[in-house]
Protein backbone atom coordinates (compact mmCIF):
# COMPACT_ATOMS: atom_id res chain seq x y z
CA MET A 1 0.24 -0.12 0.16
CA SER A 2 1.27 3.52 -0.70
CA LYS A 3 1.80 6.08 1.67
CA LYS A 4 0.22 9.02 2.02
CA ILE A 5 0.40 12.05 3.68
CA LEU A 6 -2.00 14.73 4.39
CA VAL A 7 -0.12 18.44 4.08
CA TRP A 8 -2.24 20.89 5.91
CA PHE A 9 -1.65 23.88 4.87
CA ARG A 10 -1.98 27.32 7.08
CA ASN A 11 -0.18 30.42 6.92
CA ASP A 12 2.36 28.88 4.27
CA LEU A 13 0.79 29.79 1.20
CA ARG A 14 3.78 28.78 -1.37
CA LEU A 15 5.83 26.17 -2.83
CA HIS A 16 8.74 27.81 -2.32
CA ASP A 17 11.46 27.09 0.53
CA ASN A 18 8.86 24.83 2.03
CA GLU A 19 10.06 22.80 4.17
CA MET A 20 6.95 20.87 5.20
CA LEU A 21 6.05 20.34 1.37
CA VAL A 22 9.96 18.89 0.45
CA GLU A 23 9.68 16.26 3.26
CA ALA A 24 6.26 15.49 2.89
CA LEU A 25 7.40 14.38 -0.81
CA ALA A 26 10.44 13.06 0.41
CA LYS A 27 8.49 10.66 2.86
CA SER A 28 5.21 9.47 0.71
CA ASP A 29 3.97 8.40 -2.26
CA GLU A 30 1.20 10.38 -2.34
CA ILE A 31 0.26 13.88 -0.88
CA LEU A 32 -2.88 15.43 -0.33
CA PRO A 33 -2.80 19.19 0.11
CA VAL A 34 -5.82 20.44 2.28
CA PHE A 35 -6.73 24.14 3.25
CA CYS A 36 -9.57 24.52 5.68
CA PHE A 37 -11.49 27.85 5.98
CA ASP A 38 -12.21 27.63 9.79
CA PRO A 39 -15.84 29.47 10.42
CA ARG A 40 -14.38 30.94 13.83
CA GLN A 41 -11.78 33.22 11.73
CA PHE A 42 -14.66 35.15 10.64
CA GLU A 43 -16.62 35.51 13.40
CA PRO A 44 -17.46 38.67 15.84
CA THR A 45 -15.27 39.04 18.45
CA SER A 46 -15.37 40.32 22.28
CA TYR A 47 -13.77 43.60 21.20
CA GLN A 48 -16.57 44.96 19.11
CA THR A 49 -14.69 43.70 15.69
CA ILE A 50 -15.11 40.96 13.10
CA LYS A 51 -11.96 38.41 13.46
CA THR A 52 -11.24 38.84 9.87
CA GLY A 53 -12.57 41.78 7.72
CA SER A 54 -13.46 41.32 4.02
CA ILE A 55 -10.16 42.93 2.83
CA ARG A 56 -8.05 40.72 4.54
CA THR A 57 -10.58 38.07 3.57
CA LYS A 58 -10.21 38.72 -0.09
CA PHE A 59 -6.85 38.59 0.36
CA LEU A 60 -7.02 34.88 2.10
CA ILE A 61 -8.84 33.85 -1.07
CA GLU A 62 -6.71 35.00 -3.46
CA SER A 63 -3.89 33.60 -1.64
CA VAL A 64 -5.39 30.25 -1.43
CA LYS A 65 -6.19 30.64 -5.37
CA GLY A 66 -2.69 31.02 -6.07
CA LEU A 67 -1.80 27.88 -4.24
CA ARG A 68 -4.74 26.03 -6.09
CA GLU A 69 -3.33 27.42 -9.31
CA ALA A 70 0.11 26.47 -8.75
CA LEU A 71 -0.67 22.85 -7.49
CA GLN A 72 -2.70 22.46 -10.79
CA ALA A 73 0.11 23.33 -12.95
CA LEU A 74 2.00 20.26 -11.50
CA GLY A 75 -0.99 17.89 -12.23
CA GLY A 76 -2.80 18.08 -8.86
CA ASP A 77 -4.65 20.65 -7.06
CA ILE A 78 -5.42 21.16 -3.17
CA LEU A 79 -8.48 20.00 -1.36
CA ILE A 80 -10.73 23.10 0.01
CA VAL A 81 -12.96 22.59 2.81
CA GLN A 82 -15.09 24.45 5.21
CA GLY A 83 -15.01 23.69 8.71
CA LYS A 84 -13.07 23.16 11.77
CA PRO A 85 -9.76 21.42 11.16
CA GLU A 86 -10.01 19.24 13.96
CA GLU A 87 -13.56 17.91 12.61
CA VAL A 88 -12.40 18.01 9.18
CA LEU A 89 -8.74 16.60 9.20
CA PRO A 90 -9.61 13.30 10.88
CA GLU A 91 -12.53 12.70 8.65
CA LEU A 92 -9.91 12.88 5.76
CA VAL A 93 -7.48 10.62 7.29
CA ASN A 94 -10.03 8.00 7.71
CA GLN A 95 -11.63 8.47 4.22
CA TYR A 96 -8.06 8.80 2.23
CA GLU A 97 -6.06 6.22 4.54
CA ILE A 98 -3.65 8.96 5.31
CA ALA A 99 -0.29 8.02 7.32
CA GLU A 100 0.67 11.20 8.59
CA VAL A 101 -0.22 14.76 8.84
CA TYR A 102 2.20 17.45 8.35
CA HIS A 103 1.63 21.18 9.39
CA HIS A 104 3.54 24.44 10.25
CA ARG A 105 3.39 25.25 14.13
CA GLU A 106 1.75 28.18 15.03
CA VAL A 107 2.72 30.60 18.33
CA ALA A 108 -0.69 32.51 19.25
CA SER A 109 -2.81 30.99 21.49
CA GLU A 110 -5.56 30.40 19.28
CA GLU A 111 -3.78 28.67 16.42
CA THR A 112 -1.74 26.62 19.02
CA GLU A 113 -4.87 25.23 20.36
CA VAL A 114 -6.30 24.15 17.29
CA SER A 115 -3.12 22.32 16.57
CA THR A 116 -3.65 20.58 19.90
CA LEU A 117 -6.87 19.59 19.27
CA VAL A 118 -5.97 17.97 15.90
CA GLU A 119 -2.86 16.41 17.22
CA ASP A 120 -5.27 14.85 19.95
CA LEU A 121 -8.15 13.45 17.91
CA LEU A 122 -5.07 12.17 15.42
CA TRP A 123 -3.40 10.41 17.91
CA LYS A 124 -6.65 8.50 18.79
CA GLN A 125 -6.54 7.26 15.10
CA LYS A 126 -2.64 6.40 15.66
CA VAL A 127 -1.72 8.84 13.16
CA ASN A 128 1.23 11.27 13.52
CA LEU A 129 0.58 15.09 13.66
CA ARG A 130 4.34 16.21 12.34
CA HIS A 131 4.88 19.90 12.74
CA PHE A 132 7.58 22.17 11.37
CA ILE A 133 8.53 25.81 12.06
CA GLY A 134 8.68 27.98 8.48
CA HIS A 135 7.99 31.25 9.20
CA THR A 136 10.55 32.98 10.50
CA LEU A 137 14.09 34.15 8.66
CA TYR A 138 16.07 32.58 11.62
CA ASN A 139 15.58 29.01 12.56
CA LYS A 140 15.21 28.55 16.75
CA GLU A 141 17.73 26.05 16.83
CA ASP A 142 20.07 28.16 14.76
CA LEU A 143 19.52 31.19 17.62
CA PRO A 144 22.44 32.03 19.65
CA PHE A 145 20.13 31.14 22.99
CA PRO A 146 17.58 29.02 24.01
CA ILE A 147 13.97 30.42 23.59
CA LYS A 148 13.85 31.09 27.21
CA ASP A 149 16.65 33.05 27.36
CA ILE A 150 16.07 35.24 24.29
CA PRO A 151 16.80 39.05 24.96
CA ASP A 152 13.73 41.24 25.85
CA VAL A 153 15.04 44.06 24.37
CA PHE A 154 14.87 43.94 20.64
CA ALA A 155 18.28 45.82 20.29
CA GLN A 156 19.99 43.10 21.84
CA PHE A 157 17.99 40.41 19.92
CA LYS A 158 18.93 41.94 16.75
CA LYS A 159 23.00 42.55 17.79
CA LYS A 160 23.17 38.98 18.89
CA THR A 161 21.15 37.10 16.22
CA GLU A 162 23.07 39.19 13.41
CA ARG A 163 26.61 38.40 15.01
CA ASP A 164 26.08 34.66 16.07
CA ALA A 165 22.93 33.29 13.81
CA ILE A 166 23.09 32.26 9.89
CA VAL A 167 20.52 32.46 7.70
CA LYS A 168 20.02 29.14 5.82
CA PRO A 169 19.48 28.47 2.20
CA CYS A 170 15.86 27.96 0.80
CA PHE A 171 14.72 24.56 -0.05
CA VAL A 172 14.17 23.96 -3.44
CA THR A 173 10.92 24.54 -5.18
CA PRO A 174 9.23 21.02 -5.91
CA GLN A 175 8.92 20.16 -9.65
CA GLN A 176 6.73 17.17 -9.49
CA ILE A 177 4.38 16.08 -7.27
CA SER A 178 2.31 13.01 -7.14
CA PHE A 179 -1.11 13.18 -5.59
CA VAL A 180 -3.84 11.13 -3.75
CA ASN A 181 -6.59 10.88 -5.93
CA VAL A 182 -9.50 12.78 -5.24
CA GLU A 183 -12.78 13.30 -6.88
CA ALA A 184 -14.20 16.64 -5.92
CA TRP A 185 -11.20 18.94 -4.77
CA GLY A 186 -13.86 21.70 -3.78
CA ASP A 187 -14.72 25.26 -4.45
CA LEU A 188 -12.89 28.05 -2.75
CA PRO A 189 -15.50 29.99 -1.03
CA THR A 190 -16.83 33.64 -2.37
CA LEU A 191 -16.07 36.72 -0.33
CA ASP A 192 -19.82 36.87 0.09
CA GLN A 193 -20.01 33.91 1.52
CA LEU A 194 -17.39 34.39 4.39
CA ALA A 195 -17.53 38.48 4.96
CA ILE A 196 -20.01 39.35 7.82
CA ASN A 197 -21.88 42.61 7.52
CA GLU A 198 -19.38 44.48 5.76
CA ASN A 199 -19.75 46.58 2.81
CA ILE A 200 -18.00 44.71 0.38
CA GLU A 201 -18.47 47.36 -2.02
CA ALA A 202 -16.26 49.88 -0.17
CA ILE A 203 -13.29 48.24 -0.95
CA THR A 204 -10.81 49.97 -3.37
CA THR A 205 -8.65 48.80 -6.57
CA GLN A 206 -6.07 51.77 -5.84
CA ASP A 207 -2.88 50.49 -5.05
CA GLU A 208 -4.35 47.19 -4.13
CA ILE A 209 -2.03 44.34 -3.37
CA ILE A 210 -3.00 40.76 -4.43
CA GLY A 211 -2.78 37.59 -2.82
CA GLY A 212 -0.63 34.52 -3.81
CA GLU A 213 2.67 33.39 -4.15
CA ASN A 214 3.21 34.55 -7.85
CA GLU A 215 2.33 38.26 -7.09
CA ALA A 216 4.60 38.16 -4.01
CA LEU A 217 7.33 36.81 -5.99
CA THR A 218 6.93 39.23 -9.12
CA HIS A 219 6.26 41.98 -6.42
CA LEU A 220 9.54 41.45 -4.98
CA HIS A 221 11.49 40.89 -8.34
CA GLU A 222 10.67 44.15 -9.76
CA PHE A 223 10.96 46.12 -6.06
CA LEU A 224 14.86 44.70 -6.21
CA HIS A 225 15.56 44.65 -9.75
CA THR A 226 13.81 47.80 -11.13
CA GLY A 227 14.66 50.83 -8.80
CA GLU A 228 11.05 50.83 -7.01
CA GLY A 229 12.58 50.97 -3.36
CA MET A 230 13.85 54.57 -4.25
CA ALA A 231 10.22 55.04 -3.32
CA LEU A 232 11.95 55.73 -0.11
CA SER A 233 13.52 59.37 -1.21
CA ASN A 234 10.12 60.82 -1.90
CA THR A 235 8.67 62.80 0.80
CA SER A 236 5.08 61.61 0.48
CA LEU A 237 4.42 59.04 3.20
CA LYS A 238 1.81 57.71 0.66
CA LYS A 239 4.62 56.29 -1.96
CA ASN A 240 6.91 55.36 1.05
CA THR A 241 4.98 51.95 1.66
CA ILE A 242 6.55 49.48 -0.98
CA ILE A 243 8.93 47.44 1.61
CA SER A 244 6.43 47.02 4.41
CA LYS A 245 3.98 45.65 1.46
CA LEU A 246 6.20 42.52 1.61
CA SER A 247 4.52 42.10 5.06
CA ALA A 248 1.31 40.97 3.41
CA TRP A 249 2.62 38.02 1.43
CA LEU A 250 4.83 37.22 4.36
CA ALA A 251 1.55 36.72 6.48
CA LEU A 252 0.26 34.25 4.63
CA GLY A 253 3.38 32.79 3.90
CA CYS A 254 3.02 33.11 0.40
CA LEU A 255 6.44 34.76 0.50
CA SER A 256 9.57 33.18 2.67
CA PRO A 257 11.68 35.67 4.50
CA ARG A 258 14.34 33.38 3.66
CA GLU A 259 13.64 34.03 -0.30
CA VAL A 260 13.44 37.63 0.68
CA TYR A 261 16.96 37.61 2.20
CA TRP A 262 18.44 35.54 -0.39
CA LYS A 263 17.40 37.57 -3.43
CA MET A 264 18.34 40.61 -1.67
CA LYS A 265 21.73 39.53 -1.23
CA ASP A 266 21.49 38.57 -4.87
CA ALA A 267 20.83 42.10 -5.69
CA GLU A 268 23.08 43.57 -3.42
CA ALA A 269 25.87 41.62 -5.10
CA ASN A 270 24.65 43.08 -8.69
CA TYR A 271 24.07 46.72 -7.49
CA GLY A 272 25.66 47.31 -4.29
CA LEU A 273 23.96 47.97 -0.82
CA LYS A 274 20.80 50.21 -1.13
CA PRO A 275 19.80 51.95 1.95
CA TYR A 276 16.44 50.05 1.83
CA PHE A 277 17.66 46.72 1.82
CA ASN A 278 18.70 47.37 5.71
CA GLN A 279 14.86 48.20 6.61
CA ILE A 280 14.27 45.14 4.67
CA ILE A 281 16.52 43.18 7.42
CA LEU A 282 15.06 45.23 10.00
CA GLY A 283 11.71 44.53 9.13
CA LEU A 284 12.35 40.69 9.01
CA LEU A 285 13.83 40.75 12.19
CA TRP A 286 11.21 42.63 14.01
CA ARG A 287 8.59 39.49 12.52
CA ASP A 288 11.10 36.78 14.27
CA TYR A 289 11.43 39.30 17.40
CA PHE A 290 7.62 39.22 18.15
CA ARG A 291 7.09 35.37 17.03
CA PHE A 292 10.08 33.84 19.35
CA MET A 293 8.46 36.71 22.16
CA PHE A 294 5.17 34.65 21.68
CA LYS A 295 6.89 31.28 22.13
CA LYS A 296 8.82 32.55 25.08
CA TYR A 297 5.68 34.02 26.63
CA GLY A 298 2.52 32.96 25.62
CA ASN A 299 -0.62 34.80 26.18
CA THR A 300 0.94 37.70 27.85
CA PHE A 301 0.43 39.77 24.86
CA PHE A 302 -3.16 39.33 24.64
CA LYS A 303 -3.68 40.68 28.06
CA PRO A 304 -4.95 44.12 28.86
CA LYS A 305 -2.12 44.68 31.27
CA GLY A 306 0.19 43.03 29.61
CA PHE A 307 3.85 42.71 31.63
CA SER A 308 3.12 45.76 33.34
CA LEU A 309 3.51 45.69 36.95
CA GLN A 310 1.47 48.21 37.78
CA PRO A 311 -2.13 48.31 38.51
CA ASN A 312 -4.60 48.34 35.25
CA LYS A 313 -4.62 51.68 33.90
CA LYS A 314 -7.90 53.25 33.91
CA TYR A 315 -9.41 53.73 30.61
CA ASP A 316 -12.66 55.04 28.90
CA LEU A 317 -14.71 52.81 26.93
CA ASP A 318 -16.51 55.49 24.92
CA THR A 319 -17.89 53.35 22.09
CA PRO A 320 -18.80 56.97 20.05
CA LEU A 321 -15.13 57.99 20.20
CA LEU A 322 -13.78 54.57 19.44
CA ASN A 323 -16.37 54.24 16.35
CA ALA A 324 -15.34 57.92 15.01
CA TRP A 325 -11.44 56.70 15.39
CA LYS A 326 -12.59 53.47 13.29
CA SER A 327 -14.51 55.60 10.41
CA GLY A 328 -12.04 58.23 10.59
CA ASN A 329 -14.30 60.87 11.66
CA THR A 330 -12.28 62.37 14.81
CA ALA A 331 -11.00 65.65 15.52
CA GLN A 332 -7.74 65.11 13.75
CA PRO A 333 -7.94 64.92 9.68
CA LEU A 334 -4.27 62.94 9.46
CA VAL A 335 -5.84 60.54 11.69
CA ASN A 336 -8.96 60.53 9.76
CA SER A 337 -7.11 60.24 6.51
CA LEU A 338 -5.07 56.98 7.49
CA MET A 339 -8.16 55.63 8.96
CA ILE A 340 -9.89 55.74 6.11
CA GLU A 341 -6.81 54.56 3.99
CA LEU A 342 -6.82 51.57 6.48
CA ASN A 343 -10.58 50.87 5.95
CA THR A 344 -10.22 51.04 2.02
CA THR A 345 -6.87 49.33 1.52
CA GLY A 346 -6.30 46.95 4.43
CA TYR A 347 -2.70 48.76 4.51
CA LEU A 348 -0.93 51.21 6.58
CA SER A 349 3.02 51.99 6.88
CA ASN A 350 4.40 51.36 10.29
CA ALA A 351 4.97 54.99 11.17
CA ALA A 352 1.26 55.67 10.17
CA ARG A 353 0.38 52.57 12.48
CA GLN A 354 2.30 54.23 15.21
CA LEU A 355 0.54 56.91 14.80
CA VAL A 356 -3.18 56.51 14.96
CA ALA A 357 -2.45 53.82 17.43
CA THR A 358 -0.79 56.88 19.97
CA TYR A 359 -4.03 58.60 19.20
CA LEU A 360 -6.28 56.01 20.07
CA VAL A 361 -4.48 55.20 23.10
CA TYR A 362 -3.25 58.43 24.68
CA GLU A 363 -5.42 61.02 23.32
CA LEU A 364 -8.55 59.36 23.44
CA ASN A 365 -7.83 57.12 26.22
CA ILE A 366 -9.26 54.03 24.88
CA LYS A 367 -7.75 50.58 26.06
CA TRP A 368 -5.20 49.38 23.35
CA VAL A 369 -6.81 46.03 23.44
CA TYR A 370 -9.81 47.70 21.08
CA GLY A 371 -7.24 49.21 18.42
CA ALA A 372 -5.26 45.60 18.43
CA ALA A 373 -8.56 43.98 17.57
CA TYR A 374 -9.26 46.33 15.04
CA PHE A 375 -6.16 45.96 13.28
CA GLU A 376 -6.63 42.37 13.46
CA GLU A 377 -9.97 42.55 11.40
CA LYS A 378 -8.49 45.27 8.72
CA LEU A 379 -4.88 44.60 7.75
CA ILE A 380 -4.20 42.00 5.23
CA ASP A 381 -0.57 41.96 6.97
CA TYR A 382 -2.21 40.98 9.94
CA ALA A 383 -0.06 38.29 12.10
CA PRO A 384 -0.97 37.57 15.82
CA ALA A 385 2.42 38.21 17.15
CA SER A 386 3.38 41.10 15.46
CA ASN A 387 0.33 43.03 15.96
CA TRP A 388 -0.49 42.48 19.42
CA GLY A 389 3.18 42.97 20.31
CA ASN A 390 3.39 45.99 18.71
CA TRP A 391 0.52 47.45 20.24
CA ALA A 392 1.09 46.33 24.11
CA ASN A 393 4.70 47.68 23.59
CA LEU A 394 3.18 51.02 22.43
CA ALA A 395 0.57 50.87 25.04
CA GLY A 396 3.69 50.60 27.84
CA VAL A 397 2.68 47.02 28.82
CA GLY A 398 5.07 45.16 26.37
CA ASN A 399 8.14 43.14 27.57
CA ASP A 400 10.30 45.98 27.14
CA LEU A 401 8.63 48.14 29.62
CA ARG A 402 11.32 51.37 28.74
CA LEU A 403 9.25 51.49 25.38
CA THR A 404 6.62 52.91 27.81
CA THR A 405 7.13 56.68 27.12
CA SER A 406 8.62 56.22 23.57
CA PHE A 407 5.14 57.18 21.67
CA ASP A 408 4.28 60.90 21.14
CA PHE A 409 1.56 62.14 18.96
CA GLN A 410 2.60 65.22 17.85
CA LYS A 411 6.10 63.97 17.50
CA LEU A 412 4.50 61.27 15.18
CA VAL A 413 2.74 63.99 12.97
CA LYS A 414 5.81 65.55 12.33
CA ILE A 415 7.53 62.17 11.18
CA VAL A 416 4.40 60.83 9.30
CA ASP A 417 3.45 64.31 7.49
CA PRO A 418 5.23 67.47 8.05
CA LYS A 419 3.97 69.44 5.24
CA GLY A 420 0.67 68.28 5.32
CA ILE A 421 1.10 66.37 1.74
CA TYR A 422 -0.28 63.02 2.91
CA THR A 423 -3.83 64.20 4.10
CA GLN A 424 -4.08 66.98 0.77
CA GLU A 425 -3.10 63.48 -1.55
CA LEU A 426 -5.96 61.13 0.43
CA ARG A 427 -8.01 64.05 0.21
CA ALA A 428 -8.01 64.47 -3.39
């Protein structure tokens, strides 16, 4: 009997640099790729938000579609199902006589709980759930310290990692795959089927970022080889966002951080070191840092008090003010412009995120977790560790408590839009 391995795709929607996929192909005769649209990811939250908003949902659908097309080009497909993984995957294991299930491990509590539920149920079937780690630039075993001893201060983490750790080469992209025989691979859900109570028509197509591995690789190549990175020199922040937009594809694993690193090194060899190359590395290191911090500290980042040793700060929950911030209807025009951009594109630059978050927490005095949850709903590059870690730091309850006084609204206004150009462009 042939050995069949179920490859459970989650936030790893790519063929390139995918150890899980490469290992599954090496250890099996046939693989069954599967993606589950978990209904819990599209439900309302306790913070007056939706778990995954329409723009982020659209980007996810496009990314799964991109993976499907890549697998179809190799003569197969990906089985698309709607349901909870812990209910769906054991049934598929029985139906297709699966020997093992492979997946990428996550670090946030809800995602790890789903993995645990799946693992426990598969164990009863005497089927192993094998874990892989493929979301970071550096593998945890290659770090110069164990997880429990990772420096809480980012500068120390960066210095020691860059000095003593290595970035491994990418895994080779599979050129041939043997697939389990499946009669019906399932249809991609539509945006209407997944989005909850949202005005889907409000989604803009201006500067639209399309999900999928092919789009990610094309964007990376153009950025590195056609000089688009020189947008950094532009005085308009609206045009100064191309680097961070890689984060959207990185968040769903359409793009591997190691692929970004090594492609950048190739470009550096051809063109010399560009200033924006260092910003790419810095962004990748921040992603790694927060993922490892979540691995080290678990759920602390989700708690309003966070790491603070002080009593909980008293916040207002002024729903009209919170809703005004969400809709871009505050007393601050720049905040309004930025929030409207977030609502229509699913994206903001890092400096813009800090500005609107600082306004919510320190000017409106609204609890930071409501802002973090709203970003979770809207951002196409949402990743639990980066989002909640950054918000906790900004609110002064992160694991580096020295950052408590680092965020000043008026100072950020001067950084983000010193001449008012940004606001004028968005009003045009």
